[in-house]
Amino acid sequence: MGDVLLALSIPVLVFGGGIYAACDCWWRRRHPAPPSPYTHRAARLAEQEMLLLAEEIVDDAYAALGPLYDAPSDAPAPAGPPSGLSPRSSRSPRPPSPASTPDRAPSPPAAVRKP
């Protein structure tokens, strides 16, 4: 008889655990816990820390690569079209298009091709 009770107690425990889990889930859906202010504060602190780290990365990259983007002051400015290219007089010049319109953002700069 002891073996039969032991064998029947396992399904009863599993069924009871399922009923408890269903009731607990129902209760938590009907009575949600208020949001914790500590999680919001932790998220703000993490965001500030991430922004400071990103700012440091950008500053370091600009310090390292900034001189590459500065234009040399002693180089002469190009006067006209490069040699080998002739201006096309048969076409009328295109009217200048605005950089951006209210419904369209400006396009990114074109990639530079190496000769």
Protein backbone atom coordinates (compact mmCIF):
# COMPACT_ATOMS: atom_id res chain seq x y z
CA MET A 1 0.00 0.00 0.00
CA GLY A 2 2.92 2.33 0.71
CA ASP A 3 4.18 2.01 -2.85
CA VAL A 4 0.76 2.89 -4.30
CA LEU A 5 0.50 6.04 -2.16
CA LEU A 6 4.03 7.06 -3.15
CA ALA A 7 3.25 6.49 -6.83
CA LEU A 8 0.02 8.52 -6.60
CA SER A 9 1.59 11.35 -4.61
CA ILE A 10 3.87 12.34 -7.50
CA PRO A 11 1.04 13.24 -9.95
CA VAL A 12 -0.85 14.96 -7.13
CA LEU A 13 2.20 17.13 -6.33
CA VAL A 14 2.75 17.97 -10.02
CA PHE A 15 -0.94 18.84 -10.45
CA GLY A 16 -0.93 20.93 -7.27
CA GLY A 17 2.20 22.77 -8.40
CA GLY A 18 0.55 23.54 -11.74
CA ILE A 19 -2.58 24.88 -10.03
CA TYR A 20 -0.42 27.04 -7.75
CA ALA A 21 1.60 28.41 -10.71
CA ALA A 22 -1.58 29.23 -12.65
CA CYS A 23 -3.14 31.03 -9.69
CA ASP A 24 0.08 32.93 -8.96
CA CYS A 25 0.34 34.03 -12.61
CA TRP A 26 -3.31 35.14 -12.59
CA TRP A 27 -2.80 37.08 -9.36
CA ARG A 28 0.32 38.84 -10.62
CA ARG A 29 -1.41 39.87 -13.85
CA ARG A 30 -4.33 41.35 -11.93
CA HIS A 31 -2.12 43.07 -9.30
CA PRO A 32 1.15 44.18 -10.93
CA ALA A 33 3.89 45.56 -8.72
CA PRO A 34 4.67 49.27 -9.06
CA PRO A 35 7.90 50.06 -10.91
CA SER A 36 10.89 50.38 -8.69
CA PRO A 37 12.55 53.81 -8.60
CA TYR A 38 15.90 52.09 -8.16
CA THR A 39 15.70 50.47 -11.60
CA HIS A 40 14.97 53.83 -13.25
CA ARG A 41 17.82 55.47 -11.39
CA ALA A 42 20.17 52.64 -12.29
CA ALA A 43 19.17 52.96 -15.95
CA ARG A 44 19.85 56.73 -15.90
CA LEU A 45 23.24 56.22 -14.26
CA ALA A 46 24.16 53.53 -16.79
CA GLU A 47 23.10 55.82 -19.64
CA GLN A 48 25.22 58.68 -18.29
CA GLU A 49 28.20 56.36 -17.89
CA MET A 50 27.77 55.06 -21.44
CA LEU A 51 27.59 58.61 -22.83
CA LEU A 52 30.76 59.61 -20.97
CA LEU A 53 32.57 56.55 -22.32
CA ALA A 54 31.40 57.30 -25.88
CA GLU A 55 32.51 60.92 -25.48
CA GLU A 56 35.97 59.77 -24.38
CA ILE A 57 36.23 57.44 -27.38
CA VAL A 58 35.26 60.22 -29.80
CA ASP A 59 37.68 62.67 -28.18
CA ASP A 60 40.53 60.15 -28.38
CA ALA A 61 39.75 59.38 -32.02
CA TYR A 62 39.62 63.08 -32.91
CA ALA A 63 42.90 63.71 -31.12
CA ALA A 64 44.53 60.86 -33.04
CA LEU A 65 42.95 61.45 -36.47
CA GLY A 66 42.10 65.16 -36.38
CA PRO A 67 45.28 66.32 -38.16
CA LEU A 68 44.39 64.09 -41.14
CA TYR A 69 41.22 66.08 -41.75
CA ASP A 70 42.70 69.55 -41.34
CA ALA A 71 43.37 71.23 -44.70
CA PRO A 72 46.98 72.26 -45.26
CA SER A 73 47.23 76.04 -45.30
CA ASP A 74 50.15 76.31 -47.75
CA ALA A 75 48.55 74.29 -50.60
CA PRO A 76 47.21 76.34 -53.55
CA ALA A 77 43.49 76.18 -54.17
CA PRO A 78 42.41 74.49 -57.42
CA ALA A 79 41.58 77.15 -60.05
CA GLY A 80 39.46 75.18 -62.48
CA PRO A 81 38.50 71.73 -63.65
CA PRO A 82 41.28 69.14 -63.62
CA SER A 83 43.20 68.59 -66.84
CA GLY A 84 41.67 66.00 -69.14
CA LEU A 85 38.12 67.07 -68.36
CA SER A 86 36.41 69.54 -70.63
CA PRO A 87 33.30 71.40 -69.63
CA ARG A 88 30.20 70.36 -71.54
CA SER A 89 28.72 73.42 -73.17
CA SER A 90 25.89 71.57 -74.94
CA ARG A 91 24.07 70.94 -71.68
CA SER A 92 22.51 73.60 -69.58
CA PRO A 93 23.70 73.55 -66.00
CA ARG A 94 21.38 71.88 -63.52
CA PRO A 95 19.64 74.16 -61.11
CA PRO A 96 21.00 73.74 -57.59
CA SER A 97 18.89 71.41 -55.51
CA PRO A 98 18.36 72.12 -51.84
CA ALA A 99 20.43 70.06 -49.40
CA SER A 100 17.33 68.89 -47.63
CA THR A 101 13.61 69.33 -47.80
CA PRO A 102 11.11 69.00 -44.94
CA ASP A 103 10.26 65.45 -45.95
CA ARG A 104 13.76 64.31 -46.95
CA ALA A 105 17.01 64.40 -45.01
CA PRO A 106 20.28 65.35 -46.70
CA SER A 107 22.06 62.46 -48.34
CA PRO A 108 25.31 61.20 -46.84
CA PRO A 109 28.55 62.28 -48.51
CA ALA A 110 29.79 60.10 -51.36
CA ALA A 111 32.63 57.68 -50.74
CA VAL A 112 36.06 58.81 -51.83
CA ARG A 113 37.68 56.63 -54.48
CA LYS A 114 41.40 56.09 -54.46
CA PRO A 115 43.12 56.58 -57.84
